[in-house]
Amino acid sequence: FAARNPRLGTRERRRAALIAATIGQSILARRARAVAAEKKALFDDLRRILIAYLEPMLDAPSSAPLVEIAGASPAKPAERRSTKAPSKSVSRSVSKSTK
């Protein structure tokens, strides 16, 4: 998190990591008990929730967006904060953003 936004304090980084992990564990536990038809939808919901929560705090001016829509050019900061959910072809641009 410090690499994505150096201005974010240690306490805020730890809290964000705790919240993201707790949300992830909760939804993944539910997904493990879900019927096959619900599993992908729960995973997609988890991705949208974590992006919506983490992107504003990790979106330092010089950093890349947390997600990129396949085939699209990087969005301007105002466009990235859209209320629309990301498309199903979302991929992570940074795999080590939690370190």
PDB file of N, CA and C in Angstrom:
ATOM      1  N   PHE A   1       0.819  -1.190   0.000  1.00  0.00           N
ATOM      2  CA  PHE A   1       0.000   0.000   0.000  1.00  0.00           C
ATOM      3  C   PHE A   1       0.863   1.254   0.000  1.00  0.00           C
ATOM      4  N   ALA A   2       1.993   1.188   0.676  1.00  0.00           N
ATOM      5  CA  ALA A   2       2.882   2.355   0.730  1.00  0.00           C
ATOM      6  C   ALA A   2       3.425   2.688  -0.652  1.00  0.00           C
ATOM      7  N   ALA A   3       3.665   1.683  -1.480  1.00  0.00           N
ATOM      8  CA  ALA A   3       4.161   1.944  -2.830  1.00  0.00           C
ATOM      9  C   ALA A   3       3.094   2.623  -3.684  1.00  0.00           C
ATOM     10  N   ARG A   4       1.838   2.301  -3.475  1.00  0.00           N
ATOM     11  CA  ARG A   4       0.741   2.901  -4.241  1.00  0.00           C
ATOM     12  C   ARG A   4       0.439   4.324  -3.785  1.00  0.00           C
ATOM     13  N   ASN A   5       0.542   4.584  -2.478  1.00  0.00           N
ATOM     14  CA  ASN A   5       0.248   5.907  -1.951  1.00  0.00           C
ATOM     15  C   ASN A   5       1.141   6.172  -0.743  1.00  0.00           C
ATOM     16  N   PRO A   6       2.314   6.758  -0.977  1.00  0.00           N
ATOM     17  CA  PRO A   6       3.263   6.994   0.112  1.00  0.00           C
ATOM     18  C   PRO A   6       2.725   7.914   1.202  1.00  0.00           C
ATOM     19  N   ARG A   7       1.710   8.699   0.892  1.00  0.00           N
ATOM     20  CA  ARG A   7       1.148   9.615   1.895  1.00  0.00           C
ATOM     21  C   ARG A   7       0.235   8.900   2.881  1.00  0.00           C
ATOM     22  N   LEU A   8      -0.133   7.666   2.602  1.00  0.00           N
ATOM     23  CA  LEU A   8      -0.995   6.904   3.481  1.00  0.00           C
ATOM     24  C   LEU A   8      -0.190   6.435   4.686  1.00  0.00           C
ATOM     25  N   GLY A   9      -0.642   6.761   5.868  1.00  0.00           N
ATOM     26  CA  GLY A   9       0.075   6.421   7.093  1.00  0.00           C
ATOM     27  C   GLY A   9       0.025   4.931   7.414  1.00  0.00           C
ATOM     28  N   THR A  10       0.908   4.503   8.284  1.00  0.00           N
ATOM     29  CA  THR A  10       0.992   3.097   8.674  1.00  0.00           C
ATOM     30  C   THR A  10      -0.324   2.605   9.244  1.00  0.00           C
ATOM     31  N   ARG A  11      -0.945   3.380  10.109  1.00  0.00           N
ATOM     32  CA  ARG A  11      -2.214   2.979  10.719  1.00  0.00           C
ATOM     33  C   ARG A  11      -3.297   2.790   9.650  1.00  0.00           C
ATOM     34  N   GLU A  12      -3.352   3.705   8.691  1.00  0.00           N
ATOM     35  CA  GLU A  12      -4.357   3.605   7.624  1.00  0.00           C
ATOM     36  C   GLU A  12      -4.093   2.400   6.722  1.00  0.00           C
ATOM     37  N   ARG A  13      -2.807   2.137   6.425  1.00  0.00           N
ATOM     38  CA  ARG A  13      -2.462   0.973   5.603  1.00  0.00           C
ATOM     39  C   ARG A  13      -2.878  -0.324   6.291  1.00  0.00           C
ATOM     40  N   ARG A  14      -2.586  -0.427   7.563  1.00  0.00           N
ATOM     41  CA  ARG A  14      -2.936  -1.645   8.305  1.00  0.00           C
ATOM     42  C   ARG A  14      -4.444  -1.819   8.403  1.00  0.00           C
ATOM     43  N   ARG A  15      -5.160  -0.736   8.655  1.00  0.00           N
ATOM     44  CA  ARG A  15      -6.610  -0.821   8.735  1.00  0.00           C
ATOM     45  C   ARG A  15      -7.195  -1.235   7.386  1.00  0.00           C
ATOM     46  N   ALA A  16      -6.713  -0.663   6.298  1.00  0.00           N
ATOM     47  CA  ALA A  16      -7.196  -1.008   4.959  1.00  0.00           C
ATOM     48  C   ALA A  16      -6.930  -2.482   4.655  1.00  0.00           C
ATOM     49  N   ALA A  17      -5.751  -2.961   5.009  1.00  0.00           N
ATOM     50  CA  ALA A  17      -5.422  -4.374   4.776  1.00  0.00           C
ATOM     51  C   ALA A  17      -6.325  -5.279   5.610  1.00  0.00           C
ATOM     52  N   LEU A  18      -6.581  -4.906   6.853  1.00  0.00           N
ATOM     53  CA  LEU A  18      -7.447  -5.690   7.725  1.00  0.00           C
ATOM     54  C   LEU A  18      -8.875  -5.732   7.182  1.00  0.00           C
ATOM     55  N   ILE A  19      -9.390  -4.589   6.791  1.00  0.00           N
ATOM     56  CA  ILE A  19     -10.750  -4.525   6.258  1.00  0.00           C
ATOM     57  C   ILE A  19     -10.852  -5.336   4.967  1.00  0.00           C
ATOM     58  N   ALA A  20      -9.894  -5.166   4.052  1.00  0.00           N
ATOM     59  CA  ALA A  20      -9.920  -5.901   2.785  1.00  0.00           C
ATOM     60  C   ALA A  20      -9.842  -7.409   3.028  1.00  0.00           C
ATOM     61  N   ALA A  21      -8.975  -7.837   3.938  1.00  0.00           N
ATOM     62  CA  ALA A  21      -8.840  -9.266   4.235  1.00  0.00           C
ATOM     63  C   ALA A  21     -10.105  -9.818   4.883  1.00  0.00           C
ATOM     64  N   THR A  22     -10.705  -9.057   5.782  1.00  0.00           N
ATOM     65  CA  THR A  22     -11.925  -9.504   6.459  1.00  0.00           C
ATOM     66  C   THR A  22     -13.078  -9.645   5.478  1.00  0.00           C
ATOM     67  N   ILE A  23     -13.229  -8.663   4.608  1.00  0.00           N
ATOM     68  CA  ILE A  23     -14.273  -8.743   3.576  1.00  0.00           C
ATOM     69  C   ILE A  23     -14.017  -9.951   2.679  1.00  0.00           C
ATOM     70  N   GLY A  24     -12.770 -10.108   2.254  1.00  0.00           N
ATOM     71  CA  GLY A  24     -12.425 -11.226   1.383  1.00  0.00           C
ATOM     72  C   GLY A  24     -12.686 -12.568   2.036  1.00  0.00           C
ATOM     73  N   GLN A  25     -12.282 -12.735   3.282  1.00  0.00           N
ATOM     74  CA  GLN A  25     -12.500 -13.997   3.982  1.00  0.00           C
ATOM     75  C   GLN A  25     -13.984 -14.299   4.130  1.00  0.00           C
ATOM     76  N   SER A  26     -14.761 -13.289   4.430  1.00  0.00           N
ATOM     77  CA  SER A  26     -16.194 -13.478   4.615  1.00  0.00           C
ATOM     78  C   SER A  26     -16.873 -13.937   3.323  1.00  0.00           C
ATOM     79  N   ILE A  27     -16.599 -13.233   2.242  1.00  0.00           N
ATOM     80  CA  ILE A  27     -17.250 -13.586   0.979  1.00  0.00           C
ATOM     81  C   ILE A  27     -16.725 -14.915   0.443  1.00  0.00           C
ATOM     82  N   LEU A  28     -15.421 -15.165   0.591  1.00  0.00           N
ATOM     83  CA  LEU A  28     -14.882 -16.446   0.122  1.00  0.00           C
ATOM     84  C   LEU A  28     -15.417 -17.619   0.947  1.00  0.00           C
ATOM     85  N   ALA A  29     -15.670 -17.415   2.237  1.00  0.00           N
ATOM     86  CA  ALA A  29     -16.270 -18.469   3.056  1.00  0.00           C
ATOM     87  C   ALA A  29     -17.690 -18.753   2.580  1.00  0.00           C
ATOM     88  N   ARG A  30     -18.429 -17.705   2.269  1.00  0.00           N
ATOM     89  CA  ARG A  30     -19.789 -17.876   1.737  1.00  0.00           C
ATOM     90  C   ARG A  30     -19.738 -18.574   0.377  1.00  0.00           C
ATOM     91  N   ARG A  31     -18.756 -18.194  -0.440  1.00  0.00           N
ATOM     92  CA  ARG A  31     -18.607 -18.781  -1.772  1.00  0.00           C
ATOM     93  C   ARG A  31     -18.322 -20.278  -1.675  1.00  0.00           C
ATOM     94  N   ALA A  32     -17.573 -20.691  -0.668  1.00  0.00           N
ATOM     95  CA  ALA A  32     -17.243 -22.111  -0.500  1.00  0.00           C
ATOM     96  C   ALA A  32     -18.492 -22.944  -0.233  1.00  0.00           C
ATOM     97  N   ARG A  33     -19.504 -22.334   0.381  1.00  0.00           N
ATOM     98  CA  ARG A  33     -20.746 -23.050   0.685  1.00  0.00           C
ATOM     99  C   ARG A  33     -21.822 -22.857  -0.383  1.00  0.00           C
ATOM    100  N   ALA A  34     -21.547 -22.004  -1.350  1.00  0.00           N
ATOM    101  CA  ALA A  34     -22.551 -21.663  -2.366  1.00  0.00           C
ATOM    102  C   ALA A  34     -22.689 -22.764  -3.408  1.00  0.00           C
ATOM    103  N   VAL A  35     -23.846 -22.756  -4.048  1.00  0.00           N
ATOM    104  CA  VAL A  35     -24.050 -23.665  -5.169  1.00  0.00           C
ATOM    105  C   VAL A  35     -23.219 -23.160  -6.338  1.00  0.00           C
ATOM    106  N   ALA A  36     -22.908 -24.044  -7.258  1.00  0.00           N
ATOM    107  CA  ALA A  36     -22.016 -23.712  -8.374  1.00  0.00           C
ATOM    108  C   ALA A  36     -22.471 -22.477  -9.148  1.00  0.00           C
ATOM    109  N   ALA A  37     -23.765 -22.300  -9.314  1.00  0.00           N
ATOM    110  CA  ALA A  37     -24.289 -21.172 -10.091  1.00  0.00           C
ATOM    111  C   ALA A  37     -23.991 -19.810  -9.429  1.00  0.00           C
ATOM    112  N   GLU A  38     -23.786 -19.780  -8.121  1.00  0.00           N
ATOM    113  CA  GLU A  38     -23.524 -18.523  -7.398  1.00  0.00           C
ATOM    114  C   GLU A  38     -22.043 -18.193  -7.272  1.00  0.00           C
ATOM    115  N   LYS A  39     -21.159 -19.151  -7.442  1.00  0.00           N
ATOM    116  CA  LYS A  39     -19.738 -18.958  -7.124  1.00  0.00           C
ATOM    117  C   LYS A  39     -19.079 -17.842  -7.921  1.00  0.00           C
ATOM    118  N   LYS A  40     -19.275 -17.806  -9.217  1.00  0.00           N
ATOM    119  CA  LYS A  40     -18.649 -16.767 -10.028  1.00  0.00           C
ATOM    120  C   LYS A  40     -19.191 -15.387  -9.659  1.00  0.00           C
ATOM    121  N   ALA A  41     -20.493 -15.298  -9.445  1.00  0.00           N
ATOM    122  CA  ALA A  41     -21.104 -14.013  -9.084  1.00  0.00           C
ATOM    123  C   ALA A  41     -20.547 -13.495  -7.756  1.00  0.00           C
ATOM    124  N   LEU A  42     -20.350 -14.374  -6.788  1.00  0.00           N
ATOM    125  CA  LEU A  42     -19.787 -13.950  -5.506  1.00  0.00           C
ATOM    126  C   LEU A  42     -18.352 -13.461  -5.669  1.00  0.00           C
ATOM    127  N   PHE A  43     -17.576 -14.153  -6.500  1.00  0.00           N
ATOM    128  CA  PHE A  43     -16.206 -13.718  -6.740  1.00  0.00           C
ATOM    129  C   PHE A  43     -16.183 -12.360  -7.448  1.00  0.00           C
ATOM    130  N   ASP A  44     -17.070 -12.178  -8.431  1.00  0.00           N
ATOM    131  CA  ASP A  44     -17.161 -10.883  -9.124  1.00  0.00           C
ATOM    132  C   ASP A  44     -17.560  -9.771  -8.154  1.00  0.00           C
ATOM    133  N   ASP A  45     -18.495 -10.063  -7.250  1.00  0.00           N
ATOM    134  CA  ASP A  45     -18.906  -9.076  -6.247  1.00  0.00           C
ATOM    135  C   ASP A  45     -17.741  -8.716  -5.335  1.00  0.00           C
ATOM    136  N   LEU A  46     -16.981  -9.720  -4.921  1.00  0.00           N
ATOM    137  CA  LEU A  46     -15.812  -9.460  -4.079  1.00  0.00           C
ATOM    138  C   LEU A  46     -14.838  -8.529  -4.776  1.00  0.00           C
ATOM    139  N   ARG A  47     -14.569  -8.782  -6.038  1.00  0.00           N
ATOM    140  CA  ARG A  47     -13.651  -7.941  -6.810  1.00  0.00           C
ATOM    141  C   ARG A  47     -14.152  -6.498  -6.857  1.00  0.00           C
ATOM    142  N   ARG A  48     -15.442  -6.319  -7.148  1.00  0.00           N
ATOM    143  CA  ARG A  48     -16.004  -4.959  -7.214  1.00  0.00           C
ATOM    144  C   ARG A  48     -15.940  -4.251  -5.867  1.00  0.00           C
ATOM    145  N   ILE A  49     -16.246  -4.967  -4.793  1.00  0.00           N
ATOM    146  CA  ILE A  49     -16.222  -4.378  -3.448  1.00  0.00           C
ATOM    147  C   ILE A  49     -14.809  -3.923  -3.097  1.00  0.00           C
ATOM    148  N   LEU A  50     -13.824  -4.790  -3.314  1.00  0.00           N
ATOM    149  CA  LEU A  50     -12.449  -4.442  -2.954  1.00  0.00           C
ATOM    150  C   LEU A  50     -11.913  -3.292  -3.813  1.00  0.00           C
ATOM    151  N   ILE A  51     -12.252  -3.275  -5.076  1.00  0.00           N
ATOM    152  CA  ILE A  51     -11.821  -2.176  -5.941  1.00  0.00           C
ATOM    153  C   ILE A  51     -12.434  -0.868  -5.459  1.00  0.00           C
ATOM    154  N   ALA A  52     -13.738  -0.894  -5.188  1.00  0.00           N
ATOM    155  CA  ALA A  52     -14.418   0.327  -4.735  1.00  0.00           C
ATOM    156  C   ALA A  52     -13.848   0.824  -3.411  1.00  0.00           C
ATOM    157  N   TYR A  53     -13.483  -0.077  -2.523  1.00  0.00           N
ATOM    158  CA  TYR A  53     -12.939   0.309  -1.226  1.00  0.00           C
ATOM    159  C   TYR A  53     -11.487   0.791  -1.327  1.00  0.00           C
ATOM    160  N   LEU A  54     -10.660   0.064  -2.050  1.00  0.00           N
ATOM    161  CA  LEU A  54      -9.226   0.351  -2.051  1.00  0.00           C
ATOM    162  C   LEU A  54      -8.794   1.431  -3.039  1.00  0.00           C
ATOM    163  N   GLU A  55      -9.445   1.537  -4.171  1.00  0.00           N
ATOM    164  CA  GLU A  55      -8.971   2.459  -5.203  1.00  0.00           C
ATOM    165  C   GLU A  55      -8.845   3.913  -4.731  1.00  0.00           C
ATOM    166  N   PRO A  56      -9.821   4.477  -4.040  1.00  0.00           N
ATOM    167  CA  PRO A  56      -9.668   5.882  -3.629  1.00  0.00           C
ATOM    168  C   PRO A  56      -8.463   6.130  -2.715  1.00  0.00           C
ATOM    169  N   MET A  57      -8.175   5.206  -1.819  1.00  0.00           N
ATOM    170  CA  MET A  57      -7.061   5.450  -0.898  1.00  0.00           C
ATOM    171  C   MET A  57      -5.699   5.103  -1.505  1.00  0.00           C
ATOM    172  N   LEU A  58      -5.687   4.236  -2.495  1.00  0.00           N
ATOM    173  CA  LEU A  58      -4.420   3.844  -3.107  1.00  0.00           C
ATOM    174  C   LEU A  58      -4.160   4.559  -4.419  1.00  0.00           C
ATOM    175  N   ASP A  59      -5.053   5.433  -4.803  1.00  0.00           N
ATOM    176  CA  ASP A  59      -4.947   6.132  -6.076  1.00  0.00           C
ATOM    177  C   ASP A  59      -4.129   7.414  -5.928  1.00  0.00           C
ATOM    178  N   ALA A  60      -2.825   7.248  -5.694  1.00  0.00           N
ATOM    179  CA  ALA A  60      -1.929   8.398  -5.631  1.00  0.00           C
ATOM    180  C   ALA A  60      -1.836   9.007  -7.029  1.00  0.00           C
ATOM    181  N   PRO A  61      -1.578  10.296  -7.160  1.00  0.00           N
ATOM    182  CA  PRO A  61      -1.562  10.948  -8.473  1.00  0.00           C
ATOM    183  C   PRO A  61      -0.673  10.284  -9.514  1.00  0.00           C
ATOM    184  N   SER A  62       0.445   9.724  -9.118  1.00  0.00           N
ATOM    185  CA  SER A  62       1.364   9.147 -10.109  1.00  0.00           C
ATOM    186  C   SER A  62       1.164   7.650 -10.308  1.00  0.00           C
ATOM    187  N   SER A  63       0.188   7.054  -9.636  1.00  0.00           N
ATOM    188  CA  SER A  63       0.026   5.604  -9.743  1.00  0.00           C
ATOM    189  C   SER A  63      -0.948   5.226 -10.845  1.00  0.00           C
ATOM    190  N   ALA A  64      -0.814   3.986 -11.283  1.00  0.00           N
ATOM    191  CA  ALA A  64      -1.723   3.442 -12.290  1.00  0.00           C
ATOM    192  C   ALA A  64      -3.011   3.025 -11.600  1.00  0.00           C
ATOM    193  N   PRO A  65      -4.095   2.891 -12.342  1.00  0.00           N
ATOM    194  CA  PRO A  65      -5.336   2.436 -11.722  1.00  0.00           C
ATOM    195  C   PRO A  65      -5.189   1.023 -11.191  1.00  0.00           C
ATOM    196  N   LEU A  66      -5.966   0.689 -10.155  1.00  0.00           N
ATOM    197  CA  LEU A  66      -5.923  -0.663  -9.608  1.00  0.00           C
ATOM    198  C   LEU A  66      -6.373  -1.694 -10.627  1.00  0.00           C
ATOM    199  N   VAL A  67      -7.308  -1.309 -11.471  1.00  0.00           N
ATOM    200  CA  VAL A  67      -7.792  -2.230 -12.490  1.00  0.00           C
ATOM    201  C   VAL A  67      -7.769  -1.540 -13.827  1.00  0.00           C
ATOM    202  N   GLU A  68      -7.641  -2.325 -14.844  1.00  0.00           N
ATOM    203  CA  GLU A  68      -7.725  -1.803 -16.199  1.00  0.00           C
ATOM    204  C   GLU A  68      -8.727  -2.650 -16.955  1.00  0.00           C
ATOM    205  N   ILE A  69      -9.581  -1.992 -17.696  1.00  0.00           N
ATOM    206  CA  ILE A  69     -10.525  -2.713 -18.523  1.00  0.00           C
ATOM    207  C   ILE A  69      -9.741  -3.226 -19.731  1.00  0.00           C
ATOM    208  N   ALA A  70      -9.885  -4.486 -20.048  1.00  0.00           N
ATOM    209  CA  ALA A  70      -9.135  -5.089 -21.151  1.00  0.00           C
ATOM    210  C   ALA A  70      -9.355  -4.303 -22.434  1.00  0.00           C
ATOM    211  N   GLY A  71      -8.263  -3.898 -23.070  1.00  0.00           N
ATOM    212  CA  GLY A  71      -8.325  -3.181 -24.332  1.00  0.00           C
ATOM    213  C   GLY A  71      -8.557  -1.693 -24.217  1.00  0.00           C
ATOM    214  N   ALA A  72      -8.734  -1.185 -23.015  1.00  0.00           N
ATOM    215  CA  ALA A  72      -8.999   0.246 -22.848  1.00  0.00           C
ATOM    216  C   ALA A  72      -7.736   0.960 -22.386  1.00  0.00           C
ATOM    217  N   SER A  73      -7.649   2.225 -22.718  1.00  0.00           N
ATOM    218  CA  SER A  73      -6.523   3.014 -22.233  1.00  0.00           C
ATOM    219  C   SER A  73      -6.807   3.429 -20.805  1.00  0.00           C
ATOM    220  N   PRO A  74      -5.756   3.751 -20.007  1.00  0.00           N
ATOM    221  CA  PRO A  74      -5.971   4.141 -18.617  1.00  0.00           C
ATOM    222  C   PRO A  74      -6.920   5.338 -18.532  1.00  0.00           C
ATOM    223  N   ALA A  75      -7.811   5.273 -17.563  1.00  0.00           N
ATOM    224  CA  ALA A  75      -8.798   6.335 -17.386  1.00  0.00           C
ATOM    225  C   ALA A  75      -8.216   7.502 -16.610  1.00  0.00           C
ATOM    226  N   LYS A  76      -8.818   8.657 -16.805  1.00  0.00           N
ATOM    227  CA  LYS A  76      -8.457   9.821 -16.014  1.00  0.00           C
ATOM    228  C   LYS A  76      -9.001   9.599 -14.609  1.00  0.00           C
ATOM    229  N   PRO A  77      -8.413  10.246 -13.563  1.00  0.00           N
ATOM    230  CA  PRO A  77      -8.862  10.005 -12.196  1.00  0.00           C
ATOM    231  C   PRO A  77     -10.371  10.150 -12.008  1.00  0.00           C
ATOM    232  N   ALA A  78     -11.001  11.153 -12.596  1.00  0.00           N
ATOM    233  CA  ALA A  78     -12.435  11.337 -12.433  1.00  0.00           C
ATOM    234  C   ALA A  78     -13.210  10.172 -13.043  1.00  0.00           C
ATOM    235  N   GLU A  79     -12.709   9.615 -14.139  1.00  0.00           N
ATOM    236  CA  GLU A  79     -13.389   8.497 -14.783  1.00  0.00           C
ATOM    237  C   GLU A  79     -13.255   7.219 -13.965  1.00  0.00           C
ATOM    238  N   ARG A  80     -12.141   7.047 -13.268  1.00  0.00           N
ATOM    239  CA  ARG A  80     -11.927   5.840 -12.490  1.00  0.00           C
ATOM    240  C   ARG A  80     -12.852   5.779 -11.297  1.00  0.00           C
ATOM    241  N   ARG A  81     -13.335   6.878 -10.824  1.00  0.00           N
ATOM    242  CA  ARG A  81     -14.200   6.892  -9.661  1.00  0.00           C
ATOM    243  C   ARG A  81     -15.670   6.813 -10.055  1.00  0.00           C
ATOM    244  N   SER A  82     -15.928   6.330 -11.225  1.00  0.00           N
ATOM    245  CA  SER A  82     -17.284   6.171 -11.714  1.00  0.00           C
ATOM    246  C   SER A  82     -18.064   5.249 -10.791  1.00  0.00           C
ATOM    247  N   THR A  83     -19.367   5.442 -10.726  1.00  0.00           N
ATOM    248  CA  THR A  83     -20.196   4.574  -9.900  1.00  0.00           C
ATOM    249  C   THR A  83     -20.558   3.284 -10.616  1.00  0.00           C
ATOM    250  N   LYS A  84     -20.211   3.183 -11.886  1.00  0.00           N
ATOM    251  CA  LYS A  84     -20.489   1.960 -12.629  1.00  0.00           C
ATOM    252  C   LYS A  84     -19.572   0.840 -12.156  1.00  0.00           C
ATOM    253  N   ALA A  85     -20.097  -0.366 -12.139  1.00  0.00           N
ATOM    254  CA  ALA A  85     -19.297  -1.532 -11.774  1.00  0.00           C
ATOM    255  C   ALA A  85     -18.364  -1.865 -12.926  1.00  0.00           C
ATOM    256  N   PRO A  86     -17.152  -2.394 -12.631  1.00  0.00           N
ATOM    257  CA  PRO A  86     -16.232  -2.763 -13.699  1.00  0.00           C
ATOM    258  C   PRO A  86     -16.811  -3.894 -14.533  1.00  0.00           C
ATOM    259  N   SER A  87     -16.370  -3.954 -15.772  1.00  0.00           N
ATOM    260  CA  SER A  87     -16.859  -5.018 -16.649  1.00  0.00           C
ATOM    261  C   SER A  87     -16.320  -6.356 -16.186  1.00  0.00           C
ATOM    262  N   LYS A  88     -16.838  -7.419 -16.774  1.00  0.00           N
ATOM    263  CA  LYS A  88     -16.413  -8.760 -16.372  1.00  0.00           C
ATOM    264  C   LYS A  88     -15.008  -9.095 -16.843  1.00  0.00           C
ATOM    265  N   SER A  89     -14.441  -8.287 -17.742  1.00  0.00           N
ATOM    266  CA  SER A  89     -13.089  -8.565 -18.238  1.00  0.00           C
ATOM    267  C   SER A  89     -12.066  -7.684 -17.531  1.00  0.00           C
ATOM    268  N   VAL A  90     -12.148  -7.646 -16.202  1.00  0.00           N
ATOM    269  CA  VAL A  90     -11.253  -6.822 -15.399  1.00  0.00           C
ATOM    270  C   VAL A  90     -10.032  -7.645 -15.008  1.00  0.00           C
ATOM    271  N   SER A  91      -8.865  -7.025 -15.112  1.00  0.00           N
ATOM    272  CA  SER A  91      -7.647  -7.697 -14.667  1.00  0.00           C
ATOM    273  C   SER A  91      -6.855  -6.746 -13.789  1.00  0.00           C
ATOM    274  N   ARG A  92      -6.106  -7.287 -12.874  1.00  0.00           N
ATOM    275  CA  ARG A  92      -5.304  -6.451 -11.991  1.00  0.00           C
ATOM    276  C   ARG A  92      -4.071  -5.962 -12.708  1.00  0.00           C
ATOM    277  N   SER A  93      -3.727  -4.678 -12.481  1.00  0.00           N
ATOM    278  CA  SER A  93      -2.516  -4.147 -13.086  1.00  0.00           C
ATOM    279  C   SER A  93      -1.341  -4.243 -12.136  1.00  0.00           C
ATOM    280  N   VAL A  94      -1.620  -4.413 -10.851  1.00  0.00           N
ATOM    281  CA  VAL A  94      -0.551  -4.490  -9.869  1.00  0.00           C
ATOM    282  C   VAL A  94      -0.832  -5.692  -8.970  1.00  0.00           C
ATOM    283  N   SER A  95       0.040  -6.681  -8.998  1.00  0.00           N
ATOM    284  CA  SER A  95      -0.197  -7.871  -8.195  1.00  0.00           C
ATOM    285  C   SER A  95       0.386  -7.765  -6.805  1.00  0.00           C
ATOM    286  N   LYS A  96       1.295  -6.834  -6.573  1.00  0.00           N
ATOM    287  CA  LYS A  96       1.937  -6.716  -5.275  1.00  0.00           C
ATOM    288  C   LYS A  96       1.489  -5.452  -4.562  1.00  0.00           C
ATOM    289  N   SER A  97       0.249  -5.005  -4.786  1.00  0.00           N
ATOM    290  CA  SER A  97      -0.212  -3.746  -4.209  1.00  0.00           C
ATOM    291  C   SER A  97      -0.411  -3.819  -2.706  1.00  0.00           C
ATOM    292  N   THR A  98      -0.457  -5.002  -2.118  1.00  0.00           N
ATOM    293  CA  THR A  98      -0.657  -5.100  -0.684  1.00  0.00           C
ATOM    294  C   THR A  98       0.630  -5.055   0.113  1.00  0.00           C
ATOM    295  N   LYS A  99       1.766  -5.003  -0.549  1.00  0.00           N
ATOM    296  CA  LYS A  99       3.046  -4.968   0.183  1.00  0.00           C
ATOM    297  C   LYS A  99       3.480  -3.549   0.434  1.00  0.00           C
TER     298      LYS A  99
END
